[in-house]
PDB file of all heavy atoms in Angstrom:
ATOM      1  N   PRO A   1     -31.552 -73.254 152.154  1.00  0.00           N
ATOM      2  CA  PRO A   1     -30.077 -73.237 151.983  1.00  0.00           C
ATOM      3  C   PRO A   1     -29.700 -74.230 150.809  1.00  0.00           C
ATOM      4  O   PRO A   1     -30.134 -75.399 150.747  1.00  0.00           O
ATOM      5  CB  PRO A   1     -29.683 -73.884 153.329  1.00  0.00           C
ATOM      6  CG  PRO A   1     -30.793 -73.540 154.269  1.00  0.00           C
ATOM      7  CD  PRO A   1     -32.021 -73.533 153.458  1.00  0.00           C
ATOM      8  N   ASN A   2     -28.798 -73.713 149.939  1.00  0.00           N
ATOM      9  CA  ASN A   2     -28.364 -74.566 148.813  1.00  0.00           C
ATOM     10  C   ASN A   2     -29.442 -75.028 147.909  1.00  0.00           C
ATOM     11  O   ASN A   2     -29.339 -76.113 147.310  1.00  0.00           O
ATOM     12  CB  ASN A   2     -27.416 -75.699 149.256  1.00  0.00           C
ATOM     13  CG  ASN A   2     -26.125 -75.245 149.950  1.00  0.00           C
ATOM     14  OD1 ASN A   2     -25.603 -74.223 149.534  1.00  0.00           O
ATOM     15  ND2 ASN A   2     -25.757 -75.965 150.959  1.00  0.00           N
ATOM     16  N   GLN A   3     -30.538 -74.260 147.846  1.00  0.00           N
ATOM     17  CA  GLN A   3     -31.672 -74.655 146.985  1.00  0.00           C
ATOM     18  C   GLN A   3     -32.132 -73.445 146.141  1.00  0.00           C
ATOM     19  O   GLN A   3     -33.193 -72.946 146.309  1.00  0.00           O
ATOM     20  CB  GLN A   3     -32.818 -75.131 147.826  1.00  0.00           C
ATOM     21  CG  GLN A   3     -32.612 -76.478 148.528  1.00  0.00           C
ATOM     22  CD  GLN A   3     -33.823 -76.975 149.304  1.00  0.00           C
ATOM     23  OE1 GLN A   3     -34.616 -76.185 149.795  1.00  0.00           O
ATOM     24  NE2 GLN A   3     -34.044 -78.301 149.291  1.00  0.00           N
ATOM     25  N   PRO A   4     -31.223 -73.036 145.270  1.00  0.00           N
ATOM     26  CA  PRO A   4     -31.613 -71.824 144.435  1.00  0.00           C
ATOM     27  C   PRO A   4     -32.673 -72.141 143.364  1.00  0.00           C
ATOM     28  O   PRO A   4     -32.756 -73.301 142.903  1.00  0.00           O
ATOM     29  CB  PRO A   4     -30.251 -71.473 143.727  1.00  0.00           C
ATOM     30  CG  PRO A   4     -29.633 -72.807 143.613  1.00  0.00           C
ATOM     31  CD  PRO A   4     -29.946 -73.548 144.847  1.00  0.00           C
ATOM     32  N   ILE A   5     -33.429 -71.188 143.098  1.00  0.00           N
ATOM     33  CA  ILE A   5     -34.400 -71.242 141.994  1.00  0.00           C
ATOM     34  C   ILE A   5     -34.079 -70.124 141.076  1.00  0.00           C
ATOM     35  O   ILE A   5     -34.041 -68.937 141.532  1.00  0.00           O
ATOM     36  CB  ILE A   5     -35.883 -71.135 142.520  1.00  0.00           C
ATOM     37  CG1 ILE A   5     -36.191 -72.236 143.469  1.00  0.00           C
ATOM     38  CG2 ILE A   5     -36.879 -71.177 141.354  1.00  0.00           C
ATOM     39  CD1 ILE A   5     -37.491 -72.130 144.129  1.00  0.00           C
ATOM     40  N   TRP A   6     -33.856 -70.387 139.799  1.00  0.00           N
ATOM     41  CA  TRP A   6     -33.438 -69.327 138.890  1.00  0.00           C
ATOM     42  C   TRP A   6     -33.935 -69.551 137.446  1.00  0.00           C
ATOM     43  O   TRP A   6     -34.290 -70.718 137.123  1.00  0.00           O
ATOM     44  CB  TRP A   6     -31.881 -69.220 138.869  1.00  0.00           C
ATOM     45  CG  TRP A   6     -31.149 -70.450 138.697  1.00  0.00           C
ATOM     46  CD1 TRP A   6     -30.592 -71.271 139.678  1.00  0.00           C
ATOM     47  CD2 TRP A   6     -30.824 -71.121 137.427  1.00  0.00           C
ATOM     48  NE1 TRP A   6     -30.000 -72.375 139.094  1.00  0.00           N
ATOM     49  CE2 TRP A   6     -30.127 -72.339 137.736  1.00  0.00           C
ATOM     50  CE3 TRP A   6     -31.101 -70.834 136.097  1.00  0.00           C
ATOM     51  CZ2 TRP A   6     -29.700 -73.211 136.723  1.00  0.00           C
ATOM     52  CZ3 TRP A   6     -30.660 -71.692 135.102  1.00  0.00           C
ATOM     53  CH2 TRP A   6     -29.999 -72.902 135.494  1.00  0.00           C
ATOM     54  N   ALA A   7     -33.956 -68.537 136.703  1.00  0.00           N
ATOM     55  CA  ALA A   7     -34.364 -68.591 135.290  1.00  0.00           C
ATOM     56  C   ALA A   7     -33.384 -67.812 134.450  1.00  0.00           C
ATOM     57  O   ALA A   7     -32.862 -66.778 134.893  1.00  0.00           O
ATOM     58  CB  ALA A   7     -35.812 -68.094 135.149  1.00  0.00           C
ATOM     59  N   LEU A   8     -33.133 -68.290 133.286  1.00  0.00           N
ATOM     60  CA  LEU A   8     -32.181 -67.650 132.405  1.00  0.00           C
ATOM     61  C   LEU A   8     -32.693 -66.227 131.925  1.00  0.00           C
ATOM     62  O   LEU A   8     -31.928 -65.274 131.816  1.00  0.00           O
ATOM     63  CB  LEU A   8     -31.878 -68.528 131.172  1.00  0.00           C
ATOM     64  CG  LEU A   8     -31.213 -69.851 131.455  1.00  0.00           C
ATOM     65  CD1 LEU A   8     -31.120 -70.694 130.159  1.00  0.00           C
ATOM     66  CD2 LEU A   8     -29.831 -69.693 132.012  1.00  0.00           C
ATOM     67  N   ASN A   9     -33.976 -66.196 131.645  1.00  0.00           N
ATOM     68  CA  ASN A   9     -34.665 -64.957 131.253  1.00  0.00           C
ATOM     69  C   ASN A   9     -36.177 -65.103 131.479  1.00  0.00           C
ATOM     70  O   ASN A   9     -36.552 -66.108 132.006  1.00  0.00           O
ATOM     71  CB  ASN A   9     -34.296 -64.498 129.810  1.00  0.00           C
ATOM     72  CG  ASN A   9     -34.740 -65.392 128.730  1.00  0.00           C
ATOM     73  OD1 ASN A   9     -35.585 -66.269 129.039  1.00  0.00           O
ATOM     74  ND2 ASN A   9     -34.314 -65.157 127.548  1.00  0.00           N
ATOM     75  N   LYS A  10     -36.951 -64.171 130.994  1.00  0.00           N
ATOM     76  CA  LYS A  10     -38.392 -64.204 131.252  1.00  0.00           C
ATOM     77  C   LYS A  10     -39.083 -65.394 130.490  1.00  0.00           C
ATOM     78  O   LYS A  10     -40.054 -65.907 131.032  1.00  0.00           O
ATOM     79  CB  LYS A  10     -39.035 -62.866 130.895  1.00  0.00           C
ATOM     80  CG  LYS A  10     -38.669 -61.681 131.756  1.00  0.00           C
ATOM     81  CD  LYS A  10     -39.272 -61.942 133.205  1.00  0.00           C
ATOM     82  CE  LYS A  10     -38.835 -60.790 134.162  1.00  0.00           C
ATOM     83  NZ  LYS A  10     -39.807 -59.751 134.181  1.00  0.00           N
ATOM     84  N   SER A  11     -38.590 -65.746 129.392  1.00  0.00           N
ATOM     85  CA  SER A  11     -39.265 -66.867 128.669  1.00  0.00           C
ATOM     86  C   SER A  11     -38.967 -68.169 129.446  1.00  0.00           C
ATOM     87  O   SER A  11     -39.846 -69.057 129.487  1.00  0.00           O
ATOM     88  CB  SER A  11     -38.716 -66.931 127.232  1.00  0.00           C
ATOM     89  OG  SER A  11     -37.316 -67.345 127.176  1.00  0.00           O
ATOM     90  N   HIS A  12     -37.794 -68.332 130.000  1.00  0.00           N
ATOM     91  CA  HIS A  12     -37.489 -69.519 130.824  1.00  0.00           C
ATOM     92  C   HIS A  12     -38.316 -69.493 132.105  1.00  0.00           C
ATOM     93  O   HIS A  12     -38.822 -70.545 132.552  1.00  0.00           O
ATOM     94  CB  HIS A  12     -35.966 -69.508 131.166  1.00  0.00           C
ATOM     95  CG  HIS A  12     -35.531 -70.690 131.863  1.00  0.00           C
ATOM     96  ND1 HIS A  12     -34.455 -70.733 132.691  1.00  0.00           N
ATOM     97  CD2 HIS A  12     -36.036 -71.989 131.923  1.00  0.00           C
ATOM     98  CE1 HIS A  12     -34.241 -71.983 133.215  1.00  0.00           C
ATOM     99  NE2 HIS A  12     -35.251 -72.691 132.764  1.00  0.00           N
ATOM    100  N   LEU A  13     -38.477 -68.295 132.654  1.00  0.00           N
ATOM    101  CA  LEU A  13     -39.316 -68.201 133.880  1.00  0.00           C
ATOM    102  C   LEU A  13     -40.778 -68.569 133.575  1.00  0.00           C
ATOM    103  O   LEU A  13     -41.411 -69.238 134.339  1.00  0.00           O
ATOM    104  CB  LEU A  13     -39.240 -66.758 134.414  1.00  0.00           C
ATOM    105  CG  LEU A  13     -40.065 -66.443 135.679  1.00  0.00           C
ATOM    106  CD1 LEU A  13     -39.592 -67.271 136.780  1.00  0.00           C
ATOM    107  CD2 LEU A  13     -40.009 -64.956 135.997  1.00  0.00           C
ATOM    108  N   LYS A  14     -41.221 -68.176 132.473  1.00  0.00           N
ATOM    109  CA  LYS A  14     -42.651 -68.518 132.013  1.00  0.00           C
ATOM    110  C   LYS A  14     -42.770 -70.067 131.934  1.00  0.00           C
ATOM    111  O   LYS A  14     -43.795 -70.592 132.375  1.00  0.00           O
ATOM    112  CB  LYS A  14     -42.996 -67.846 130.703  1.00  0.00           C
ATOM    113  CG  LYS A  14     -44.361 -68.071 130.215  1.00  0.00           C
ATOM    114  CD  LYS A  14     -44.657 -67.312 128.919  1.00  0.00           C
ATOM    115  CE  LYS A  14     -46.087 -67.584 128.442  1.00  0.00           C
ATOM    116  NZ  LYS A  14     -46.351 -66.872 127.147  1.00  0.00           N
ATOM    117  N   TYR A  15     -41.770 -70.711 131.347  1.00  0.00           N
ATOM    118  CA  TYR A  15     -41.790 -72.205 131.260  1.00  0.00           C
ATOM    119  C   TYR A  15     -41.821 -72.810 132.642  1.00  0.00           C
ATOM    120  O   TYR A  15     -42.602 -73.719 132.884  1.00  0.00           O
ATOM    121  CB  TYR A  15     -40.558 -72.642 130.466  1.00  0.00           C
ATOM    122  CG  TYR A  15     -40.199 -74.127 130.795  1.00  0.00           C
ATOM    123  CD1 TYR A  15     -40.902 -75.085 130.040  1.00  0.00           C
ATOM    124  CD2 TYR A  15     -39.229 -74.475 131.687  1.00  0.00           C
ATOM    125  CE1 TYR A  15     -40.591 -76.447 130.278  1.00  0.00           C
ATOM    126  CE2 TYR A  15     -38.988 -75.805 131.926  1.00  0.00           C
ATOM    127  CZ  TYR A  15     -39.632 -76.791 131.260  1.00  0.00           C
ATOM    128  OH  TYR A  15     -39.396 -78.092 131.517  1.00  0.00           O
ATOM    129  N   LEU A  16     -41.017 -72.342 133.552  1.00  0.00           N
ATOM    130  CA  LEU A  16     -40.930 -72.896 134.904  1.00  0.00           C
ATOM    131  C   LEU A  16     -42.257 -72.778 135.654  1.00  0.00           C
ATOM    132  O   LEU A  16     -42.683 -73.683 136.284  1.00  0.00           O
ATOM    133  CB  LEU A  16     -39.833 -72.197 135.695  1.00  0.00           C
ATOM    134  CG  LEU A  16     -38.364 -72.527 135.254  1.00  0.00           C
ATOM    135  CD1 LEU A  16     -37.352 -71.617 136.065  1.00  0.00           C
ATOM    136  CD2 LEU A  16     -37.986 -73.986 135.437  1.00  0.00           C
ATOM    137  N   ILE A  17     -42.867 -71.627 135.478  1.00  0.00           N
ATOM    138  CA  ILE A  17     -44.170 -71.347 136.102  1.00  0.00           C
ATOM    139  C   ILE A  17     -45.180 -72.347 135.570  1.00  0.00           C
ATOM    140  O   ILE A  17     -46.004 -72.959 136.318  1.00  0.00           O
ATOM    141  CB  ILE A  17     -44.546 -69.907 135.998  1.00  0.00           C
ATOM    142  CG1 ILE A  17     -43.690 -68.978 136.757  1.00  0.00           C
ATOM    143  CG2 ILE A  17     -46.070 -69.749 136.423  1.00  0.00           C
ATOM    144  CD1 ILE A  17     -43.912 -67.542 136.608  1.00  0.00           C
ATOM    145  N   ALA A  18     -45.191 -72.515 134.268  1.00  0.00           N
ATOM    146  CA  ALA A  18     -46.164 -73.433 133.579  1.00  0.00           C
ATOM    147  C   ALA A  18     -45.889 -74.868 134.071  1.00  0.00           C
ATOM    148  O   ALA A  18     -46.849 -75.601 134.326  1.00  0.00           O
ATOM    149  CB  ALA A  18     -46.051 -73.285 132.064  1.00  0.00           C
ATOM    150  N   TYR A  19     -44.599 -75.173 134.175  1.00  0.00           N
ATOM    151  CA  TYR A  19     -44.263 -76.562 134.516  1.00  0.00           C
ATOM    152  C   TYR A  19     -44.706 -76.865 135.982  1.00  0.00           C
ATOM    153  O   TYR A  19     -45.297 -77.922 136.279  1.00  0.00           O
ATOM    154  CB  TYR A  19     -42.762 -76.810 134.453  1.00  0.00           C
ATOM    155  CG  TYR A  19     -42.264 -78.119 135.037  1.00  0.00           C
ATOM    156  CD1 TYR A  19     -42.344 -79.250 134.313  1.00  0.00           C
ATOM    157  CD2 TYR A  19     -41.708 -78.134 136.346  1.00  0.00           C
ATOM    158  CE1 TYR A  19     -41.938 -80.490 134.876  1.00  0.00           C
ATOM    159  CE2 TYR A  19     -41.331 -79.327 136.850  1.00  0.00           C
ATOM    160  CZ  TYR A  19     -41.424 -80.520 136.159  1.00  0.00           C
ATOM    161  OH  TYR A  19     -41.043 -81.676 136.708  1.00  0.00           O
ATOM    162  N   VAL A  20     -44.397 -76.016 136.931  1.00  0.00           N
ATOM    163  CA  VAL A  20     -44.671 -76.209 138.314  1.00  0.00           C
ATOM    164  C   VAL A  20     -46.217 -76.161 138.568  1.00  0.00           C
ATOM    165  O   VAL A  20     -46.710 -76.909 139.360  1.00  0.00           O
ATOM    166  CB  VAL A  20     -43.932 -75.198 139.253  1.00  0.00           C
ATOM    167  CG1 VAL A  20     -44.370 -75.283 140.695  1.00  0.00           C
ATOM    168  CG2 VAL A  20     -42.479 -75.333 139.087  1.00  0.00           C
ATOM    169  N   SER A  21     -46.935 -75.329 137.794  1.00  0.00           N
ATOM    170  CA  SER A  21     -48.319 -75.167 137.999  1.00  0.00           C
ATOM    171  C   SER A  21     -49.123 -76.356 137.531  1.00  0.00           C
ATOM    172  O   SER A  21     -50.217 -76.677 138.118  1.00  0.00           O
ATOM    173  CB  SER A  21     -48.883 -73.931 137.192  1.00  0.00           C
ATOM    174  OG  SER A  21     -48.275 -72.788 137.684  1.00  0.00           O
ATOM    175  N   ASP A  22     -48.632 -77.083 136.501  1.00  0.00           N
ATOM    176  CA  ASP A  22     -49.392 -78.187 135.895  1.00  0.00           C
ATOM    177  C   ASP A  22     -49.116 -79.473 136.641  1.00  0.00           C
ATOM    178  O   ASP A  22     -47.969 -79.903 136.767  1.00  0.00           O
ATOM    179  CB  ASP A  22     -48.995 -78.361 134.472  1.00  0.00           C
ATOM    180  CG  ASP A  22     -50.092 -79.079 133.666  1.00  0.00           C
ATOM    181  OD1 ASP A  22     -50.604 -80.105 134.231  1.00  0.00           O
ATOM    182  OD2 ASP A  22     -50.423 -78.651 132.575  1.00  0.00           O
ATOM    183  N   LYS A  23     -50.209 -80.109 137.127  1.00  0.00           N
ATOM    184  CA  LYS A  23     -50.047 -81.338 137.899  1.00  0.00           C
ATOM    185  C   LYS A  23     -49.929 -82.559 137.005  1.00  0.00           C
ATOM    186  O   LYS A  23     -49.551 -83.651 137.384  1.00  0.00           O
ATOM    187  CB  LYS A  23     -51.199 -81.483 138.915  1.00  0.00           C
ATOM    188  CG  LYS A  23     -51.237 -80.411 139.982  1.00  0.00           C
ATOM    189  CD  LYS A  23     -52.415 -80.617 140.930  1.00  0.00           C
ATOM    190  CE  LYS A  23     -52.409 -79.521 141.956  1.00  0.00           C
ATOM    191  NZ  LYS A  23     -53.578 -79.691 142.851  1.00  0.00           N
ATOM    192  N   LEU A  24     -50.395 -82.483 135.730  1.00  0.00           N
ATOM    193  CA  LEU A  24     -50.410 -83.546 134.784  1.00  0.00           C
ATOM    194  C   LEU A  24     -49.540 -83.097 133.655  1.00  0.00           C
ATOM    195  O   LEU A  24     -50.020 -82.462 132.674  1.00  0.00           O
ATOM    196  CB  LEU A  24     -51.851 -83.911 134.334  1.00  0.00           C
ATOM    197  CG  LEU A  24     -51.931 -85.172 133.500  1.00  0.00           C
ATOM    198  CD1 LEU A  24     -51.542 -86.324 134.343  1.00  0.00           C
ATOM    199  CD2 LEU A  24     -53.369 -85.268 133.019  1.00  0.00           C
ATOM    200  N   ARG A  25     -48.225 -83.460 133.659  1.00  0.00           N
ATOM    201  CA  ARG A  25     -47.271 -83.013 132.713  1.00  0.00           C
ATOM    202  C   ARG A  25     -47.144 -84.105 131.612  1.00  0.00           C
ATOM    203  O   ARG A  25     -47.033 -85.223 131.860  1.00  0.00           O
ATOM    204  CB  ARG A  25     -45.945 -82.741 133.315  1.00  0.00           C
ATOM    205  CG  ARG A  25     -45.957 -81.656 134.362  1.00  0.00           C
ATOM    206  CD  ARG A  25     -44.972 -81.751 135.486  1.00  0.00           C
ATOM    207  NE  ARG A  25     -45.201 -80.804 136.473  1.00  0.00           N
ATOM    208  CZ  ARG A  25     -44.613 -80.899 137.747  1.00  0.00           C
ATOM    209  NH1 ARG A  25     -43.898 -81.904 138.084  1.00  0.00           N
ATOM    210  NH2 ARG A  25     -44.829 -79.976 138.661  1.00  0.00           N
ATOM    211  N   THR A  26     -47.046 -83.530 130.298  1.00  0.00           N
ATOM    212  CA  THR A  26     -46.932 -84.522 129.187  1.00  0.00           C
ATOM    213  C   THR A  26     -45.881 -84.017 128.270  1.00  0.00           C
ATOM    214  O   THR A  26     -45.349 -82.837 128.370  1.00  0.00           O
ATOM    215  CB  THR A  26     -48.295 -84.523 128.385  1.00  0.00           C
ATOM    216  OG1 THR A  26     -48.596 -83.246 127.959  1.00  0.00           O
ATOM    217  CG2 THR A  26     -49.424 -85.074 129.203  1.00  0.00           C
ATOM    218  N   LYS A  27     -45.468 -84.844 127.273  1.00  0.00           N
ATOM    219  CA  LYS A  27     -44.504 -84.459 126.238  1.00  0.00           C
ATOM    220  C   LYS A  27     -45.025 -85.092 124.892  1.00  0.00           C
ATOM    221  O   LYS A  27     -45.698 -86.067 124.935  1.00  0.00           O
ATOM    222  CB  LYS A  27     -43.110 -84.893 126.583  1.00  0.00           C
ATOM    223  CG  LYS A  27     -42.949 -86.448 126.716  1.00  0.00           C
ATOM    224  CD  LYS A  27     -41.496 -86.741 126.996  1.00  0.00           C
ATOM    225  CE  LYS A  27     -41.346 -88.234 127.136  1.00  0.00           C
ATOM    226  NZ  LYS A  27     -39.887 -88.594 127.461  1.00  0.00           N
ATOM    227  N   ASN A  28     -44.620 -84.401 123.802  1.00  0.00           N
ATOM    228  CA  ASN A  28     -45.121 -84.945 122.536  1.00  0.00           C
ATOM    229  C   ASN A  28     -43.940 -85.486 121.658  1.00  0.00           C
ATOM    230  O   ASN A  28     -43.941 -85.451 120.437  1.00  0.00           O
ATOM    231  CB  ASN A  28     -45.872 -83.779 121.746  1.00  0.00           C
ATOM    232  CG  ASN A  28     -44.990 -82.567 121.519  1.00  0.00           C
ATOM    233  OD1 ASN A  28     -43.845 -82.591 121.931  1.00  0.00           O
ATOM    234  ND2 ASN A  28     -45.574 -81.550 121.033  1.00  0.00           N
ATOM    235  N   PHE A  29     -42.893 -86.032 122.314  1.00  0.00           N
ATOM    236  CA  PHE A  29     -41.734 -86.560 121.706  1.00  0.00           C
ATOM    237  C   PHE A  29     -41.100 -87.606 122.562  1.00  0.00           C
ATOM    238  O   PHE A  29     -41.429 -87.655 123.809  1.00  0.00           O
ATOM    239  CB  PHE A  29     -40.737 -85.464 121.301  1.00  0.00           C
ATOM    240  CG  PHE A  29     -40.335 -84.686 122.467  1.00  0.00           C
ATOM    241  CD1 PHE A  29     -39.168 -85.052 123.186  1.00  0.00           C
ATOM    242  CD2 PHE A  29     -40.968 -83.610 122.898  1.00  0.00           C
ATOM    243  CE1 PHE A  29     -38.724 -84.364 124.308  1.00  0.00           C
ATOM    244  CE2 PHE A  29     -40.565 -82.913 124.011  1.00  0.00           C
ATOM    245  CZ  PHE A  29     -39.475 -83.239 124.738  1.00  0.00           C
ATOM    246  N   THR A  30     -40.222 -88.442 122.004  1.00  0.00           N
ATOM    247  CA  THR A  30     -39.516 -89.384 122.836  1.00  0.00           C
ATOM    248  C   THR A  30     -38.204 -88.782 123.328  1.00  0.00           C
ATOM    249  O   THR A  30     -37.658 -87.901 122.736  1.00  0.00           O
ATOM    250  CB  THR A  30     -39.227 -90.681 122.020  1.00  0.00           C
ATOM    251  OG1 THR A  30     -38.429 -90.314 120.900  1.00  0.00           O
ATOM    252  CG2 THR A  30     -40.418 -91.340 121.568  1.00  0.00           C
ATOM    253  N   GLY A  31     -37.672 -89.325 124.388  1.00  0.00           N
ATOM    254  CA  GLY A  31     -36.403 -88.817 124.942  1.00  0.00           C
ATOM    255  C   GLY A  31     -36.610 -87.914 126.180  1.00  0.00           C
ATOM    256  O   GLY A  31     -37.727 -87.675 126.617  1.00  0.00           O
ATOM    257  N   LYS A  32     -35.470 -87.351 126.649  1.00  0.00           N
ATOM    258  CA  LYS A  32     -35.552 -86.477 127.818  1.00  0.00           C
ATOM    259  C   LYS A  32     -36.184 -85.162 127.530  1.00  0.00           C
ATOM    260  O   LYS A  32     -36.172 -84.671 126.391  1.00  0.00           O
ATOM    261  CB  LYS A  32     -34.132 -86.250 128.367  1.00  0.00           C
ATOM    262  CG  LYS A  32     -33.401 -87.536 128.901  1.00  0.00           C
ATOM    263  CD  LYS A  32     -32.034 -87.209 129.429  1.00  0.00           C
ATOM    264  CE  LYS A  32     -31.359 -88.402 129.933  1.00  0.00           C
ATOM    265  NZ  LYS A  32     -29.996 -88.123 130.461  1.00  0.00           N
ATOM    266  N   THR A  33     -36.730 -84.543 128.595  1.00  0.00           N
ATOM    267  CA  THR A  33     -37.368 -83.211 128.407  1.00  0.00           C
ATOM    268  C   THR A  33     -36.519 -82.164 129.245  1.00  0.00           C
ATOM    269  O   THR A  33     -35.656 -82.509 129.981  1.00  0.00           O
ATOM    270  CB  THR A  33     -38.803 -83.238 129.004  1.00  0.00           C
ATOM    271  OG1 THR A  33     -38.668 -83.584 130.393  1.00  0.00           O
ATOM    272  CG2 THR A  33     -39.655 -84.303 128.251  1.00  0.00           C
ATOM    273  N   ALA A  34     -36.893 -80.936 129.023  1.00  0.00           N
ATOM    274  CA  ALA A  34     -36.235 -79.789 129.696  1.00  0.00           C
ATOM    275  C   ALA A  34     -36.294 -79.934 131.174  1.00  0.00           C
ATOM    276  O   ALA A  34     -35.355 -79.569 131.843  1.00  0.00           O
ATOM    277  CB  ALA A  34     -36.762 -78.462 129.221  1.00  0.00           C
ATOM    278  N   SER A  35     -37.347 -80.432 131.710  1.00  0.00           N
ATOM    279  CA  SER A  35     -37.523 -80.575 133.160  1.00  0.00           C
ATOM    280  C   SER A  35     -36.703 -81.635 133.775  1.00  0.00           C
ATOM    281  O   SER A  35     -36.465 -81.698 134.955  1.00  0.00           O
ATOM    282  CB  SER A  35     -38.994 -80.874 133.510  1.00  0.00           C
ATOM    283  OG  SER A  35     -39.378 -82.116 132.903  1.00  0.00           O
ATOM    284  N   HIS A  36     -36.018 -82.493 132.877  1.00  0.00           N
ATOM    285  CA  HIS A  36     -35.166 -83.618 133.421  1.00  0.00           C
ATOM    286  C   HIS A  36     -34.010 -83.014 134.274  1.00  0.00           C
ATOM    287  O   HIS A  36     -33.535 -83.646 135.203  1.00  0.00           O
ATOM    288  CB  HIS A  36     -34.619 -84.420 132.257  1.00  0.00           C
ATOM    289  CG  HIS A  36     -33.788 -85.619 132.680  1.00  0.00           C
ATOM    290  ND1 HIS A  36     -34.369 -86.798 133.073  1.00  0.00           N
ATOM    291  CD2 HIS A  36     -32.436 -85.756 132.760  1.00  0.00           C
ATOM    292  CE1 HIS A  36     -33.405 -87.603 133.382  1.00  0.00           C
ATOM    293  NE2 HIS A  36     -32.216 -87.024 133.221  1.00  0.00           N
ATOM    294  N   SER A  37     -33.433 -81.832 133.879  1.00  0.00           N
ATOM    295  CA  SER A  37     -32.360 -81.320 134.514  1.00  0.00           C
ATOM    296  C   SER A  37     -32.734 -80.396 135.672  1.00  0.00           C
ATOM    297  O   SER A  37     -31.801 -79.849 136.394  1.00  0.00           O
ATOM    298  CB  SER A  37     -31.507 -80.485 133.551  1.00  0.00           C
ATOM    299  OG  SER A  37     -32.283 -79.387 133.032  1.00  0.00           O
ATOM    300  N   LEU A  38     -34.020 -80.198 136.018  1.00  0.00           N
ATOM    301  CA  LEU A  38     -34.399 -79.405 137.172  1.00  0.00           C
ATOM    302  C   LEU A  38     -34.028 -80.173 138.437  1.00  0.00           C
ATOM    303  O   LEU A  38     -34.149 -81.404 138.494  1.00  0.00           O
ATOM    304  CB  LEU A  38     -35.875 -79.105 137.079  1.00  0.00           C
ATOM    305  CG  LEU A  38     -36.373 -78.171 136.058  1.00  0.00           C
ATOM    306  CD1 LEU A  38     -37.915 -78.069 136.068  1.00  0.00           C
ATOM    307  CD2 LEU A  38     -35.780 -76.791 136.220  1.00  0.00           C
ATOM    308  N   PRO A  39     -33.581 -79.420 139.512  1.00  0.00           N
ATOM    309  CA  PRO A  39     -33.349 -80.122 140.780  1.00  0.00           C
ATOM    310  C   PRO A  39     -34.598 -80.744 141.425  1.00  0.00           C
ATOM    311  O   PRO A  39     -35.732 -80.269 141.147  1.00  0.00           O
ATOM    312  CB  PRO A  39     -32.824 -78.987 141.640  1.00  0.00           C
ATOM    313  CG  PRO A  39     -33.099 -77.739 140.946  1.00  0.00           C
ATOM    314  CD  PRO A  39     -33.320 -78.050 139.533  1.00  0.00           C
ATOM    315  N   ALA A  40     -34.446 -81.800 142.143  1.00  0.00           N
ATOM    316  CA  ALA A  40     -35.494 -82.519 142.628  1.00  0.00           C
ATOM    317  C   ALA A  40     -36.426 -81.625 143.532  1.00  0.00           C
ATOM    318  O   ALA A  40     -37.725 -81.833 143.550  1.00  0.00           O
ATOM    319  CB  ALA A  40     -34.990 -83.713 143.506  1.00  0.00           C
ATOM    320  N   TYR A  41     -35.945 -80.723 144.330  1.00  0.00           N
ATOM    321  CA  TYR A  41     -36.732 -79.874 145.198  1.00  0.00           C
ATOM    322  C   TYR A  41     -37.723 -78.981 144.446  1.00  0.00           C
ATOM    323  O   TYR A  41     -38.709 -78.535 144.984  1.00  0.00           O
ATOM    324  CB  TYR A  41     -35.893 -79.074 146.164  1.00  0.00           C
ATOM    325  CG  TYR A  41     -34.870 -78.189 145.464  1.00  0.00           C
ATOM    326  CD1 TYR A  41     -35.120 -76.915 145.015  1.00  0.00           C
ATOM    327  CD2 TYR A  41     -33.530 -78.551 145.351  1.00  0.00           C
ATOM    328  CE1 TYR A  41     -34.183 -76.082 144.416  1.00  0.00           C
ATOM    329  CE2 TYR A  41     -32.545 -77.751 144.868  1.00  0.00           C
ATOM    330  CZ  TYR A  41     -32.869 -76.529 144.301  1.00  0.00           C
ATOM    331  OH  TYR A  41     -31.942 -75.725 143.710  1.00  0.00           O
TER     332      TYR A  41
END
């Protein structure tokens, strides 16, 4: 309830699958990342 999971299109969906699948997440730049805006759940 009130916990939607959505993607803008297939490329966004591919990103989400890669993000959730990887237990050790990294970034190659300073500042916020795309995952910062994802809901906590």
